[in-house]
Every structure is written in structure tokens, then in C-alpha cells.
Amino acid sequence: QVQLVESGGGLVQAGDSLRLSCVASGGTIRDHSMGWFRQAPGKEREFVGVSRFSDGSTYYGDSVKGRFAISRDNAKNTMYLQMNSLNSEDTGIYYCAAGVAGAGRYYYLQTGNQYDYWGQGTQVTVSS
């Protein structure tokens, strides 16, 4: 059973940067595709991006491409989300998630139901 804990959220101004962390326990992220999702008030959960376990490659949702970057440190069992050029539409609760070990070896996990483990979320608020 993988447990995930996010941190690094906060209140920032438009144009600022922020880095979120997701620390895993109970399993090694080396075997898991790891994703980020977000949910704004009154909106559905949105795919942000994913880091594929098999080759470390990443894939992003259209709204964050070119601004956000996912990285992982398997030795620290930690995934990161670097967020640049933040705007008010990036406001929301950010969740990290892990797929079942071995899932997504040749494709990117992009929907919530493809993930089995979730963190509790961290709030990001961008003031304009």
C-alpha cells in the first residue's frame, strides 16, 4: 500500500513560481507511474501531468504545457511539480497519485481512474 503526502502549496502572486513535492512511503515510486491532478472550486478534477516509471518521460495537460515540469528522485521516493508563470486559473487543490506498479509502461496514465493511490492534496492559490 503506497501512501502519498504532498507539500509545498501556498499563496503566490500571478507570475510567480512554486514547487510541489510528493513523498511516497510503503512502496518505491521507481515501479509506479506518478501523476499530478488538480481541482478548482466548482470544477472537475483536471489532469496536470504524469511521469512514466519505465523511462522517466513526462506528459502534460494542455493548460500547463510549457509552464509546469514534473521530475522525480527515485532515491528519495519523491516526485516534484515545478510550476512557473502561475496565473489565477492555476488555483486549486493539487493531488499527486500513483498507478499500480507496472501500469503505464508504454503509455501515459491520464485519467483519475487509472491511479490507485492518492495523496490528501495541497492548496495552491494564485492571486492576480
Foldseek 3Di string as FASTA:
>chain_A
DKAKAKDWADEEAAQAKTKMKIAIPPDFCLQWKKFKWWDDPPGDIAGAKIQANQPRDMDGDPVQPPFWDKGDDRVRSMIMIIGGRDDQVVWGWMKMFIADGNPQNPHTDGDPVRTDYIYPTDGHGYHD
